[in-house]
Amino acid sequence: MAILLILSGLFLMVAIQVAIFCIAIVKSPGNAVLCLIVPFFVYVYARKEPRARPFLWAWYTGIGLLTAGVIASS
């Protein structure tokens, strides 16, 4: 059960980061490059960009699943 939570959390986080990256490519290629290089810039960009803001809730869900899986495995 814990492995399922961890893997689903990781998958959801990566999928949402890719979606936010795609939004950044359309809006500003410079910000898209920063999304790839700088850790957590995806989060900062998503908070500022109105089209990317709805994806943050799914990203938070992925973090929650990952955290629950880590707690359940210990």
C-alpha atoms as a PDB file:
ATOM      1  CA  MET A   1       0.000   0.000   0.000  1.00  0.00           C
ATOM      2  CA  ALA A   2       2.805   2.396   0.891  1.00  0.00           C
ATOM      3  CA  ILE A   3       4.610   1.767  -2.394  1.00  0.00           C
ATOM      4  CA  LEU A   4       1.417   2.538  -4.307  1.00  0.00           C
ATOM      5  CA  LEU A   5       1.017   5.858  -2.469  1.00  0.00           C
ATOM      6  CA  ILE A   6       4.637   6.825  -3.070  1.00  0.00           C
ATOM      7  CA  LEU A   7       4.610   5.947  -6.752  1.00  0.00           C
ATOM      8  CA  SER A   8       1.256   7.585  -7.435  1.00  0.00           C
ATOM      9  CA  GLY A   9       2.379  10.733  -5.614  1.00  0.00           C
ATOM     10  CA  LEU A  10       5.596  10.887  -7.621  1.00  0.00           C
ATOM     11  CA  PHE A  11       3.769  10.264 -10.890  1.00  0.00           C
ATOM     12  CA  LEU A  12       1.190  12.952 -10.151  1.00  0.00           C
ATOM     13  CA  MET A  13       3.847  15.490  -9.184  1.00  0.00           C
ATOM     14  CA  VAL A  14       5.896  14.847 -12.336  1.00  0.00           C
ATOM     15  CA  ALA A  15       2.827  14.934 -14.589  1.00  0.00           C
ATOM     16  CA  ILE A  16       1.682  18.265 -13.147  1.00  0.00           C
ATOM     17  CA  GLN A  17       5.180  19.721 -13.428  1.00  0.00           C
ATOM     18  CA  VAL A  18       5.253  18.745 -17.099  1.00  0.00           C
ATOM     19  CA  ALA A  19       1.829  20.376 -17.608  1.00  0.00           C
ATOM     20  CA  ILE A  20       3.001  23.602 -15.957  1.00  0.00           C
ATOM     21  CA  PHE A  21       6.174  23.456 -18.055  1.00  0.00           C
ATOM     22  CA  CYS A  22       4.058  23.245 -21.216  1.00  0.00           C
ATOM     23  CA  ILE A  23       2.113  26.328 -20.128  1.00  0.00           C
ATOM     24  CA  ALA A  24       5.411  28.120 -19.484  1.00  0.00           C
ATOM     25  CA  ILE A  25       6.679  27.246 -22.985  1.00  0.00           C
ATOM     26  CA  VAL A  26       3.654  28.932 -24.552  1.00  0.00           C
ATOM     27  CA  LYS A  27       3.850  32.036 -22.354  1.00  0.00           C
ATOM     28  CA  SER A  28       7.614  32.563 -22.011  1.00  0.00           C
ATOM     29  CA  PRO A  29      10.417  30.256 -23.161  1.00  0.00           C
ATOM     30  CA  GLY A  30      12.769  31.870 -20.639  1.00  0.00           C
ATOM     31  CA  ASN A  31      10.530  30.864 -17.755  1.00  0.00           C
ATOM     32  CA  ALA A  32      10.246  27.382 -19.250  1.00  0.00           C
ATOM     33  CA  VAL A  33      14.025  27.002 -19.137  1.00  0.00           C
ATOM     34  CA  LEU A  34      14.015  28.180 -15.523  1.00  0.00           C
ATOM     35  CA  CYS A  35      11.318  25.592 -14.752  1.00  0.00           C
ATOM     36  CA  LEU A  36      13.724  22.913 -15.961  1.00  0.00           C
ATOM     37  CA  ILE A  37      16.861  24.204 -14.229  1.00  0.00           C
ATOM     38  CA  VAL A  38      15.853  25.845 -10.935  1.00  0.00           C
ATOM     39  CA  PRO A  39      14.319  23.567  -8.294  1.00  0.00           C
ATOM     40  CA  PHE A  40      10.788  24.600  -7.234  1.00  0.00           C
ATOM     41  CA  PHE A  41      10.608  27.376  -9.870  1.00  0.00           C
ATOM     42  CA  VAL A  42       7.622  25.453 -11.230  1.00  0.00           C
ATOM     43  CA  TYR A  43       5.847  26.220  -7.959  1.00  0.00           C
ATOM     44  CA  VAL A  44       6.774  29.913  -8.079  1.00  0.00           C
ATOM     45  CA  TYR A  45       5.742  30.183 -11.727  1.00  0.00           C
ATOM     46  CA  ALA A  46       2.418  28.408 -11.134  1.00  0.00           C
ATOM     47  CA  ARG A  47       1.530  30.793  -8.317  1.00  0.00           C
ATOM     48  CA  LYS A  48       2.108  33.809 -10.579  1.00  0.00           C
ATOM     49  CA  GLU A  49       0.566  32.485 -13.816  1.00  0.00           C
ATOM     50  CA  PRO A  50      -3.280  32.381 -13.755  1.00  0.00           C
ATOM     51  CA  ARG A  51      -3.501  29.542 -16.300  1.00  0.00           C
ATOM     52  CA  ALA A  52      -1.134  27.356 -14.264  1.00  0.00           C
ATOM     53  CA  ARG A  53      -2.646  28.084 -10.848  1.00  0.00           C
ATOM     54  CA  PRO A  54      -5.381  25.375 -11.026  1.00  0.00           C
ATOM     55  CA  PHE A  55      -2.679  22.733 -11.461  1.00  0.00           C
ATOM     56  CA  LEU A  56      -1.236  23.551  -8.051  1.00  0.00           C
ATOM     57  CA  TRP A  57      -4.002  21.652  -6.238  1.00  0.00           C
ATOM     58  CA  ALA A  58      -3.107  18.474  -8.098  1.00  0.00           C
ATOM     59  CA  TRP A  59       0.569  19.104  -7.285  1.00  0.00           C
ATOM     60  CA  TYR A  60      -0.342  19.491  -3.606  1.00  0.00           C
ATOM     61  CA  THR A  61      -2.268  16.208  -3.830  1.00  0.00           C
ATOM     62  CA  GLY A  62       0.838  14.503  -5.212  1.00  0.00           C
ATOM     63  CA  ILE A  63       2.904  15.853  -2.325  1.00  0.00           C
ATOM     64  CA  GLY A  64       0.266  14.610   0.114  1.00  0.00           C
ATOM     65  CA  LEU A  65       0.235  11.135  -1.429  1.00  0.00           C
ATOM     66  CA  LEU A  66       4.014  10.987  -1.359  1.00  0.00           C
ATOM     67  CA  THR A  67       4.120  12.096   2.279  1.00  0.00           C
ATOM     68  CA  ALA A  68       1.420   9.617   3.285  1.00  0.00           C
ATOM     69  CA  GLY A  69       3.307   6.821   1.562  1.00  0.00           C
ATOM     70  CA  VAL A  70       6.560   7.684   3.307  1.00  0.00           C
ATOM     71  CA  ILE A  71       4.828   7.826   6.681  1.00  0.00           C
ATOM     72  CA  ALA A  72       3.022   4.542   6.027  1.00  0.00           C
ATOM     73  CA  SER A  73       6.242   2.787   5.033  1.00  0.00           C
ATOM     74  CA  SER A  74       8.049   3.661   8.250  1.00  0.00           C
END
